[in-house]
Structure formats: C-alpha cells, structure tokens
Amino acid sequence: MSARSASASVWSALRREAAFLARDRSAWAWWLVVLFLSVLAVSAGLDEVHRQKATIAHLVEADRAERMAVLETRKEWSAVYHSFHLTYDPPSEFAFAALGRRDDAAWKHRVRMLALEGQIHERDAGHPVLALVGRFDFAFFAAFVLPLVLIVLLHGLRAGERVAGRHELLVATAAGDSGRLWRLRAGLRATVVYSAAVLPLVVAAGLSGTAAPTLLAACALLFAYVLFWTLVCAVLAAWQQTAEVILATLVALWILLGVVVPAAGRIAIDRAVPMPSGADIVMTQREAVNAGWDLPKASTMAAFVERHPQWAAYTAVERPFEWKWYFAFQQVGDQKAQALSEAYTDGRMERDRLAGWLALVAPPVLLERALQVLARTDVRASLAYEARVRDFHASLREFYYPKLFRDERLEPAAFEGLPEFFPRAAGR
C-alpha cells in the first residue's frame, strides 16, 4: 500500500470513528461531567487565591496602622515589645490549580522581637477537617478523578462490541490492522476528555496571569498523565474478559496506585523518618523563656553571649528589670529550641524527598506533586517561606541590638529605619 493510500485510509477511519463517537450519548455525558468538574475545580482555586490575596492586602494595611498606633502611644522598648510585623507568602499566579501545602501550612505570621520559633509554629493552619481530606482543586481533580472517567469510557471498548456482536465484523473490515481501529477509538475519547479538562485550566490561567511556560508545562504533564491511563485502559480492554471484569480490574488498579500505595508509603515514611512536632518546639521554647524569669541574670546573659560574643562587654544587668536582659532570654529561648527546630525542618525535607521517590510508583501522587511544584505550593516552598521569616526576624534583632546593648535612646525617628519584610513576588 502506498503512503498516499495509507494516509487516505487513516483519515477515512478517523472520520468514521469520529462520527460514531458523536452519536455516543453516554460519552457526551461523561465529557460534560469532566468539563463541569474542571470548571468547578479551577473556580474553587481562583476563589481561594482571591481570598488569600484579599486577606494579605487587608493585613498589610492593618499591620501598618497598628504599628503606627503603637509607636505613637508607647515609648522606646515598650513600643518595640508591642510592635507586630506582618510576614506573608503571596500565592503564585498558578496556585489556583494546586493549593498544596497552603491548606495545612501557615502562609502568614505576625512576629514580634520576642522568641521566634514559638511564633512560627503557633500559627493558624486552616480548618483541620479540610486539611485532613484535602481541597478539591485542579490537581486533585486531574490526579484522582480524571482516571476514573477514562476507565469508565475505555474499559469496554472491545468487550462492549463483543457483547453487541460487532467485534468480529469490525476486525474483519479493519483491513488487517484492527489495532489501529482500537487505538483511534481510545485516542479520540481520551483526546476529548483531555480537552474538556484542560480548557478551563487554560482560561483560568489567562485570567490569573500565569506565565506561558508554567501553563505549557502543566498542560504537558496532564497530557502525559492522560496518555498513561489511556494506554493502561487500552491494554486491559484487549483482555478476553467481560466488561465487568475489566472495569473491576481497572478500578482496583486505580485504588492501588491512588490510595493504597500513597497511604502505605506515607505510614512507612513517617516511621522511617521520626521528627519532633511543632508543638514540641513551642513547648520547649516557652519553658525556656518562662524559666528565664527565675534564672540568675548572669546565667541568661552568659548563654546569650555564647552566640553573640560581640555584646559581651555590655551584658551587665544592674537593675531588677532591664530590656536587654528581657530580650536576651527571648533569644536564649530560640537557642534552646534550635536543635528541635532544625530536626523538624530536616525531617520534613527528608520525608518530602522520600515521598518524591514514592510518587514514581504512584502516578496520581506524581502528577499532584508536579503541579504543586509549578504552583510553588509544595513543601519546599513552605520551608522557603519559613526561612524568609527567620531572616526577617534576624534583621530586626540586628537593627535593635546595637541600640539595646549600648543603652542608646530609641527616638521615634529611629523607627523609620526598621527593616521591611519583602515577600517572594507573586508569580515567581
């Protein structure tokens, strides 16, 4: 057969299958379901991102007004003690598609010049039930719902024709290439499913200003994922079994890859990588800070100087209460909790690294994690924000300590030089 005649044959088969597909009402119904769920998922994500941005904008204004009020009504170090500073992690422009850790990890803090670790880990982490079941965003829809639709549409490709008595006729009229017939039939159905799923994503990305490379990468990931499940369904659809057996087998495979493997893997990872909790850090720091009131002042200042030897000549405390002693034992509280805090951070990084390896055998988790990386809502993005909070708090201490230990007057004009928190720019 010449190349020209082969091409004509393919187009003829494609038109025939497209016409057959256009008359399949059940397929249309499932595609509408996919389109509806995709619209619902991206709409929910856009609404949540809008809510978070509005919250941040409100807090920025409130934080500035409150600090100005404190500086006007309080004097010197009392003003420092009562001043809060807002830190926040704005959602990226693609966060609507994969909210990831923004559901269970803090993306805003109000910190003071006190011990920091407790302020980081004593935070508003959102609704606990929502954090447990996860949010219905596009990543969840694509990773866990879309394969089920493909399974429903593709499991009976051949078994259905056998039941209808058309299978042998279709094979006979396929001119010796019956495999092409099934590939076309499966490919057309999967293509429409992919289009119905990705169209709302593209529209939402345009509305939110998502960068083209990010959107293209997300579309490519989704295409590869749909292709994977299409191949799996097509292979099992060729099985000489009834449609019910094939359907049950595919659903069992989906449960194995999307539920059993991730859940068992998470339990195994948690046991393999023990780590303290945020509550342990908060309690350790609070006990250390509270103990500071009762310890000899010289002991507190000695512990402080171990980390800040440049202030060794200024640590004499001669009155019952001095602000430098008070802020010093706040710093010592952080020092006491530092080992736990580092273990907590290292543990989360290690668990995330192992979860990345586990995702290689759990495609739904792999897709979800990949979309979270694109959206900057993964574990590493959360840890990077915590690091920016620590850097900002350290800059506050660097700003105040020279004035504090040299016993300089803290004039109102000095507050004009306060460090500012600079969040990661939205969209990066």
Protein backbone atom coordinates (compact mmCIF):
# COMPACT_ATOMS: atom_id res chain seq x y z
CA MET A 1 0.00 0.00 0.00
CA SER A 2 1.40 3.40 -0.99
CA ALA A 3 1.88 6.16 1.57
CA ARG A 4 -0.89 8.19 -0.09
CA SER A 5 -3.42 5.38 0.08
CA ALA A 6 -2.39 4.58 3.66
CA SER A 7 -2.98 8.19 4.66
CA ALA A 8 -6.37 8.21 2.97
CA SER A 9 -7.25 5.03 4.82
CA VAL A 10 -6.33 6.56 8.18
CA TRP A 11 -8.42 9.69 7.51
CA SER A 12 -11.33 7.56 6.41
CA ALA A 13 -11.13 5.51 9.63
CA LEU A 14 -10.75 8.67 11.69
CA ARG A 15 -13.88 10.25 10.18
CA ARG A 16 -15.83 7.06 10.71
CA GLU A 17 -14.81 6.79 14.36
CA ALA A 18 -15.47 10.50 14.94
CA ALA A 19 -18.97 10.12 13.51
CA PHE A 20 -19.54 7.04 15.65
CA LEU A 21 -18.31 8.90 18.72
CA ALA A 22 -20.53 11.91 18.01
CA ARG A 23 -23.57 9.63 18.32
CA ASP A 24 -22.46 8.15 21.65
CA ARG A 25 -24.64 9.98 24.20
CA SER A 26 -23.03 8.33 27.22
CA ALA A 27 -19.61 9.61 26.10
CA TRP A 28 -21.01 13.13 25.76
CA ALA A 29 -22.46 12.90 29.23
CA TRP A 30 -19.08 11.96 30.72
CA TRP A 31 -17.30 14.72 28.84
CA LEU A 32 -19.77 17.23 30.21
CA VAL A 33 -19.11 15.85 33.67
CA VAL A 34 -15.37 16.35 33.13
CA LEU A 35 -15.90 19.89 31.87
CA PHE A 36 -18.17 20.73 34.82
CA LEU A 37 -15.77 19.30 37.42
CA SER A 38 -12.80 21.03 35.83
CA VAL A 39 -14.65 24.37 35.88
CA LEU A 40 -15.63 23.73 39.49
CA ALA A 41 -12.06 22.87 40.48
CA VAL A 42 -10.41 25.92 38.89
CA SER A 43 -13.21 28.20 40.13
CA ALA A 44 -12.70 26.99 43.69
CA GLY A 45 -8.95 27.52 43.31
CA LEU A 46 -9.37 31.03 41.90
CA ASP A 47 -11.77 31.92 44.70
CA GLU A 48 -9.36 30.67 47.37
CA VAL A 49 -6.43 32.55 45.84
CA HIS A 50 -8.53 35.70 45.62
CA ARG A 51 -9.50 35.28 49.30
CA GLN A 52 -5.86 34.84 50.33
CA LYS A 53 -4.75 37.89 48.35
CA ALA A 54 -7.57 39.98 49.86
CA THR A 55 -6.59 38.78 53.34
CA ILE A 56 -2.97 39.76 52.74
CA ALA A 57 -3.93 43.19 51.38
CA HIS A 58 -6.13 43.82 54.41
CA LEU A 59 -3.44 42.63 56.84
CA VAL A 60 -0.77 44.80 55.23
CA GLU A 61 -2.87 47.91 55.81
CA ALA A 62 -3.91 46.84 59.32
CA ASP A 63 -0.33 45.96 60.26
CA ARG A 64 0.98 49.37 59.21
CA ALA A 65 -1.82 51.23 61.04
CA GLU A 66 -1.45 49.18 64.21
CA ARG A 67 2.32 49.64 64.34
CA MET A 68 1.98 53.38 63.87
CA ALA A 69 -0.56 53.49 66.72
CA VAL A 70 1.79 51.53 68.99
CA LEU A 71 4.73 53.79 68.20
CA GLU A 72 2.62 56.85 68.99
CA THR A 73 1.30 55.56 72.32
CA ARG A 74 4.28 53.55 73.59
CA LYS A 75 7.77 54.71 74.36
CA GLU A 76 11.12 53.23 73.42
CA TRP A 77 11.43 49.50 74.22
CA SER A 78 7.83 49.16 75.30
CA ALA A 79 6.95 50.16 71.74
CA VAL A 80 9.33 47.51 70.42
CA TYR A 81 7.76 44.88 72.65
CA HIS A 82 4.22 45.67 71.49
CA SER A 83 5.02 46.09 67.77
CA PHE A 84 3.97 43.30 65.42
CA HIS A 85 5.42 42.83 61.94
CA LEU A 86 3.46 41.06 59.24
CA THR A 87 5.16 38.40 57.13
CA TYR A 88 3.36 36.53 54.39
CA ASP A 89 3.80 34.31 51.37
CA PRO A 90 1.61 35.52 48.49
CA PRO A 91 0.11 32.80 46.28
CA SER A 92 1.69 32.39 42.88
CA GLU A 93 -0.40 33.08 39.79
CA PHE A 94 -0.72 29.32 39.23
CA ALA A 95 -1.60 28.50 42.85
CA PHE A 96 -5.29 28.26 41.94
CA ALA A 97 -4.56 24.95 40.19
CA ALA A 98 -2.72 23.28 43.07
CA LEU A 99 -3.12 24.82 46.52
CA GLY A 100 -0.93 22.12 48.04
CA ARG A 101 0.61 22.97 51.41
CA ARG A 102 -1.17 26.31 51.62
CA ASP A 103 -4.05 24.34 53.16
CA ASP A 104 -2.12 22.98 56.12
CA ALA A 105 0.97 25.17 56.44
CA ALA A 106 0.95 28.79 57.53
CA TRP A 107 1.41 31.39 54.80
CA LYS A 108 1.23 34.44 57.11
CA HIS A 109 2.65 35.33 60.50
CA ARG A 110 2.68 38.38 62.76
CA VAL A 111 6.02 38.33 64.55
CA ARG A 112 7.47 40.44 67.33
CA MET A 113 11.00 40.99 68.64
CA LEU A 114 10.44 38.09 71.05
CA ALA A 115 11.44 34.45 70.81
CA LEU A 116 10.68 33.46 67.23
CA GLU A 117 10.27 29.68 66.98
CA GLY A 118 7.07 29.67 69.02
CA GLN A 119 5.66 32.41 66.81
CA ILE A 120 6.39 30.36 63.69
CA HIS A 121 4.88 27.11 64.88
CA GLU A 122 1.98 28.56 66.85
CA ARG A 123 0.03 29.55 63.78
CA ASP A 124 -3.32 29.44 62.06
CA ALA A 125 -3.15 26.34 59.89
CA GLY A 126 -6.63 26.48 58.47
CA HIS A 127 -9.57 24.17 59.01
CA PRO A 128 -8.33 20.82 60.43
CA VAL A 129 -11.03 18.75 58.68
CA LEU A 130 -10.27 20.43 55.36
CA ALA A 131 -6.57 19.79 55.88
CA LEU A 132 -7.36 16.10 56.52
CA VAL A 133 -9.48 15.39 53.44
CA GLY A 134 -7.72 17.84 51.11
CA ARG A 135 -9.18 20.52 48.91
CA PHE A 136 -10.93 19.90 45.60
CA ASP A 137 -8.56 21.83 43.38
CA PHE A 138 -7.50 21.12 39.81
CA ALA A 139 -4.54 18.99 40.91
CA PHE A 140 -6.84 16.70 42.91
CA PHE A 141 -9.40 16.56 40.10
CA ALA A 142 -6.78 15.73 37.47
CA ALA A 143 -4.86 13.23 39.59
CA PHE A 144 -7.72 11.24 41.11
CA VAL A 145 -11.00 11.92 39.27
CA LEU A 146 -9.87 12.06 35.65
CA PRO A 147 -8.53 8.44 35.60
CA LEU A 148 -11.93 7.19 36.76
CA VAL A 149 -13.64 8.88 33.81
CA LEU A 150 -11.11 7.37 31.41
CA ILE A 151 -11.67 3.95 32.97
CA VAL A 152 -15.44 4.26 32.53
CA LEU A 153 -15.11 5.39 28.90
CA LEU A 154 -12.40 2.97 27.78
CA HIS A 155 -12.82 -0.28 29.70
CA GLY A 156 -15.49 -1.70 27.37
CA LEU A 157 -14.01 -0.73 24.01
CA ARG A 158 -13.75 -4.31 22.83
CA ALA A 159 -15.87 -6.18 25.36
CA GLY A 160 -18.85 -4.00 24.52
CA GLU A 161 -18.51 -4.76 20.85
CA ARG A 162 -18.25 -8.48 21.60
CA VAL A 163 -21.49 -8.34 23.58
CA ALA A 164 -23.16 -6.39 20.74
CA GLY A 165 -21.93 -8.96 18.22
CA ARG A 166 -20.00 -6.42 16.15
CA HIS A 167 -16.45 -7.25 17.23
CA GLU A 168 -15.62 -9.80 14.55
CA LEU A 169 -17.19 -7.64 11.83
CA LEU A 170 -15.13 -4.61 12.92
CA VAL A 171 -11.92 -6.67 12.93
CA ALA A 172 -12.72 -8.08 9.50
CA THR A 173 -13.34 -4.66 8.00
CA ALA A 174 -10.17 -3.18 9.50
CA ALA A 175 -8.15 -4.40 6.53
CA GLY A 176 -5.76 -6.43 8.65
CA ASP A 177 -4.98 -3.61 11.07
CA SER A 178 -7.59 -3.96 13.81
CA GLY A 179 -5.15 -2.48 16.32
CA ARG A 180 -5.44 0.87 14.52
CA LEU A 181 -9.21 0.79 15.00
CA TRP A 182 -8.96 0.41 18.78
CA ARG A 183 -6.14 2.97 19.02
CA LEU A 184 -8.26 5.51 17.13
CA ARG A 185 -11.31 4.79 19.23
CA ALA A 186 -9.41 5.08 22.52
CA GLY A 187 -7.39 8.07 21.31
CA LEU A 188 -10.45 10.05 20.26
CA ARG A 189 -12.20 9.51 23.57
CA ALA A 190 -9.10 10.38 25.58
CA THR A 191 -8.46 13.48 23.46
CA VAL A 192 -11.91 14.87 24.16
CA VAL A 193 -11.52 14.09 27.89
CA TYR A 194 -8.17 15.89 27.90
CA SER A 195 -9.64 18.88 26.05
CA ALA A 196 -12.59 19.13 28.43
CA ALA A 197 -10.25 19.02 31.41
CA VAL A 198 -7.61 21.41 30.15
CA LEU A 199 -9.83 24.09 28.62
CA PRO A 200 -10.98 25.58 31.98
CA LEU A 201 -7.37 25.43 33.20
CA VAL A 202 -6.18 27.48 30.22
CA VAL A 203 -8.96 30.05 30.68
CA ALA A 204 -8.28 30.36 34.41
CA ALA A 205 -4.54 30.65 33.78
CA GLY A 206 -5.23 33.51 31.37
CA LEU A 207 -7.41 35.26 33.94
CA SER A 208 -4.82 34.89 36.71
CA GLY A 209 -1.83 35.88 34.57
CA THR A 210 0.01 32.57 34.72
CA ALA A 211 3.27 32.58 32.79
CA ALA A 212 3.11 30.71 29.48
CA PRO A 213 5.95 28.27 30.33
CA THR A 214 4.19 27.28 33.55
CA LEU A 215 0.90 26.72 31.77
CA LEU A 216 2.55 24.76 28.96
CA ALA A 217 4.36 22.58 31.47
CA ALA A 218 1.08 21.89 33.30
CA CYS A 219 -0.68 21.00 30.04
CA ALA A 220 2.19 18.70 29.05
CA LEU A 221 2.08 16.96 32.45
CA LEU A 222 -1.66 16.46 32.14
CA PHE A 223 -1.28 15.14 28.59
CA ALA A 224 1.33 12.60 29.72
CA TYR A 225 -0.90 11.55 32.60
CA VAL A 226 -3.97 11.10 30.37
CA LEU A 227 -1.81 9.17 27.89
CA PHE A 228 -0.61 6.86 30.69
CA TRP A 229 -4.12 5.98 31.82
CA THR A 230 -5.32 5.67 28.22
CA LEU A 231 -2.61 3.11 27.50
CA VAL A 232 -3.39 1.21 30.69
CA CYS A 233 -7.10 1.13 29.83
CA ALA A 234 -6.42 0.16 26.21
CA VAL A 235 -4.15 -2.72 27.22
CA LEU A 236 -6.67 -4.13 29.70
CA ALA A 237 -9.56 -3.52 27.29
CA ALA A 238 -7.90 -6.07 24.95
CA TRP A 239 -8.22 -8.68 27.66
CA GLN A 240 -10.56 -11.53 26.66
CA GLN A 241 -12.85 -10.94 29.63
CA THR A 242 -16.24 -9.37 30.20
CA ALA A 243 -16.53 -5.61 30.57
CA GLU A 244 -17.40 -6.03 34.27
CA VAL A 245 -14.19 -7.93 34.99
CA ILE A 246 -12.09 -5.39 33.08
CA LEU A 247 -13.81 -2.49 34.85
CA ALA A 248 -13.25 -4.07 38.26
CA THR A 249 -9.60 -4.70 37.45
CA LEU A 250 -9.02 -1.10 36.33
CA VAL A 251 -10.75 0.34 39.40
CA ALA A 252 -8.69 -1.94 41.62
CA LEU A 253 -5.54 -0.68 39.87
CA TRP A 254 -6.67 2.92 40.40
CA ILE A 255 -7.25 2.24 44.11
CA LEU A 256 -3.84 0.57 44.38
CA LEU A 257 -1.94 3.43 42.69
CA GLY A 258 -4.00 6.33 44.01
CA VAL A 259 -4.87 5.22 47.54
CA VAL A 260 -3.12 2.10 48.82
CA VAL A 261 0.44 2.84 47.69
CA PRO A 262 0.40 6.53 48.83
CA ALA A 263 -1.22 5.70 52.19
CA ALA A 264 1.08 2.76 52.94
CA GLY A 265 4.07 4.75 51.73
CA ARG A 266 3.21 7.68 53.96
CA ILE A 267 2.97 5.43 57.00
CA ALA A 268 6.30 3.81 56.14
CA ILE A 269 7.98 7.20 55.57
CA ASP A 270 6.63 8.62 58.83
CA ARG A 271 8.02 5.63 60.71
CA ALA A 272 11.35 5.72 58.88
CA VAL A 273 11.85 9.45 59.46
CA PRO A 274 10.80 10.37 63.01
CA MET A 275 10.80 14.06 63.82
CA PRO A 276 9.56 16.39 66.56
CA SER A 277 6.30 18.27 66.15
CA GLY A 278 5.72 22.00 66.04
CA ALA A 279 4.06 21.67 69.46
CA ASP A 280 7.30 20.22 70.87
CA ILE A 281 9.16 23.29 69.64
CA VAL A 282 6.59 25.69 71.09
CA MET A 283 6.64 23.97 74.47
CA THR A 284 10.44 23.81 74.62
CA GLN A 285 10.76 27.47 73.83
CA ARG A 286 8.04 28.56 76.25
CA GLU A 287 9.58 26.59 79.08
CA ALA A 288 12.98 28.12 78.33
CA VAL A 289 11.56 31.65 78.19
CA ASN A 290 9.48 31.22 81.34
CA ALA A 291 12.49 29.80 83.17
CA GLY A 292 14.41 32.93 82.21
CA TRP A 293 12.47 34.94 84.78
CA ASP A 294 13.76 32.73 87.61
CA LEU A 295 17.32 32.05 86.48
CA PRO A 296 20.19 34.24 87.66
CA LYS A 297 20.57 37.08 85.16
CA ALA A 298 24.25 36.28 84.77
CA SER A 299 23.37 32.75 83.57
CA THR A 300 20.99 34.11 80.94
CA MET A 301 23.48 36.69 79.71
CA ALA A 302 26.26 34.07 79.59
CA ALA A 303 24.10 31.83 77.41
CA PHE A 304 23.31 34.81 75.20
CA VAL A 305 26.95 35.81 74.79
CA GLU A 306 27.88 32.30 73.65
CA ARG A 307 26.11 33.08 70.37
CA HIS A 308 26.68 36.85 70.37
CA PRO A 309 30.17 37.45 71.74
CA GLN A 310 30.26 40.96 70.24
CA TRP A 311 27.98 42.12 73.09
CA ALA A 312 29.99 40.51 75.91
CA ALA A 313 31.14 43.88 77.21
CA TYR A 314 27.56 45.18 77.51
CA THR A 315 25.82 42.39 79.42
CA ALA A 316 25.98 43.75 82.98
CA VAL A 317 22.44 43.86 84.41
CA GLU A 318 22.28 46.06 87.49
CA ARG A 319 18.54 46.69 87.89
CA PRO A 320 15.73 44.23 88.64
CA PHE A 321 14.44 44.64 85.10
CA GLU A 322 16.32 45.73 82.01
CA TRP A 323 15.11 45.34 78.47
CA LYS A 324 18.41 43.90 77.24
CA TRP A 325 18.07 41.08 79.79
CA TYR A 326 14.45 40.52 78.74
CA PHE A 327 15.25 40.33 75.01
CA ALA A 328 18.34 38.25 75.78
CA PHE A 329 16.35 35.47 77.41
CA GLN A 330 13.94 35.59 74.48
CA GLN A 331 16.96 34.95 72.26
CA VAL A 332 18.12 32.17 74.58
CA GLY A 333 14.66 30.60 74.25
CA ASP A 334 15.25 30.35 70.50
CA GLN A 335 18.68 28.87 71.14
CA LYS A 336 17.18 26.18 73.37
CA ALA A 337 14.62 25.27 70.68
CA GLN A 338 17.07 25.47 67.77
CA ALA A 339 18.00 21.78 67.72
CA LEU A 340 14.34 20.74 67.69
CA SER A 341 13.51 23.31 65.03
CA GLU A 342 16.33 22.12 62.77
CA ALA A 343 15.31 18.49 63.30
CA TYR A 344 11.73 19.42 62.36
CA THR A 345 12.86 21.19 59.19
CA ASP A 346 15.28 18.41 58.22
CA GLY A 347 12.60 15.79 58.91
CA ARG A 348 10.08 17.50 56.66
CA MET A 349 12.66 17.80 53.88
CA GLU A 350 13.63 14.14 54.18
CA ARG A 351 10.03 12.96 54.24
CA ASP A 352 9.32 15.09 51.19
CA ARG A 353 12.37 13.63 49.41
CA LEU A 354 11.23 10.08 50.12
CA ALA A 355 7.68 10.96 49.09
CA GLY A 356 9.13 12.10 45.76
CA TRP A 357 10.64 8.64 45.22
CA LEU A 358 7.39 7.00 46.28
CA ALA A 359 5.49 9.10 43.74
CA LEU A 360 7.39 7.33 40.94
CA VAL A 361 5.23 4.25 41.57
CA ALA A 362 2.06 6.24 42.29
CA PRO A 363 1.27 8.33 39.18
CA PRO A 364 -1.64 10.27 40.79
CA VAL A 365 0.69 11.50 43.52
CA LEU A 366 3.42 12.21 40.97
CA LEU A 367 1.10 14.48 38.95
CA GLU A 368 -0.19 16.24 42.06
CA ARG A 369 3.33 16.92 43.32
CA ALA A 370 4.47 18.14 39.90
CA LEU A 371 1.59 20.62 39.71
CA GLN A 372 2.36 21.82 43.25
CA VAL A 373 5.96 22.46 42.24
CA LEU A 374 4.75 24.55 39.29
CA ALA A 375 2.34 26.40 41.61
CA ARG A 376 5.02 26.85 44.30
CA THR A 377 2.74 25.31 46.89
CA ASP A 378 4.93 22.30 47.71
CA VAL A 379 6.83 21.52 50.91
CA ARG A 380 10.00 23.25 49.75
CA ALA A 381 8.10 26.47 49.00
CA SER A 382 6.62 26.33 52.52
CA LEU A 383 10.06 25.82 54.08
CA ALA A 384 11.49 28.64 51.97
CA TYR A 385 8.85 30.98 53.39
CA GLU A 386 9.75 29.93 56.95
CA ALA A 387 13.38 30.70 56.13
CA ARG A 388 12.38 34.19 54.93
CA VAL A 389 10.53 34.78 58.22
CA ARG A 390 13.65 33.79 60.19
CA ASP A 391 15.82 36.05 58.04
CA PHE A 392 13.48 38.98 58.62
CA HIS A 393 13.37 38.38 62.38
CA ALA A 394 17.17 38.19 62.42
CA SER A 395 17.29 41.56 60.65
CA LEU A 396 15.05 43.02 63.39
CA ARG A 397 17.47 41.80 66.05
CA GLU A 398 20.44 43.17 64.10
CA PHE A 399 18.64 46.52 63.92
CA TYR A 400 17.74 46.71 67.62
CA TYR A 401 20.66 45.02 69.39
CA PRO A 402 23.24 47.84 68.93
CA LYS A 403 20.78 50.34 70.40
CA LEU A 404 19.70 47.92 73.11
CA PHE A 405 23.11 46.88 74.43
CA ARG A 406 24.76 50.29 74.07
CA ASP A 407 21.80 51.70 76.01
CA GLU A 408 21.06 54.25 73.31
CA ARG A 409 17.85 56.24 73.43
CA LEU A 410 15.31 54.94 70.98
CA GLU A 411 13.99 58.11 69.41
CA PRO A 412 10.83 57.92 67.25
CA ALA A 413 12.93 58.79 64.19
CA ALA A 414 14.90 55.59 64.68
CA PHE A 415 11.84 53.52 63.79
CA GLU A 416 11.93 54.94 60.27
CA GLY A 417 14.89 52.68 59.61
CA LEU A 418 13.08 49.50 60.64
CA PRO A 419 13.74 46.52 58.34
CA GLU A 420 10.90 45.62 56.00
CA PHE A 421 9.71 42.15 55.11
CA PHE A 422 9.90 41.52 51.39
CA PRO A 423 7.77 38.54 50.31
CA ARG A 424 8.51 36.47 47.29
CA ALA A 425 6.99 38.33 44.40
CA ALA A 426 3.68 36.81 43.31
CA GLY A 427 4.06 34.82 40.14
CA ARG A 428 7.64 33.75 40.77
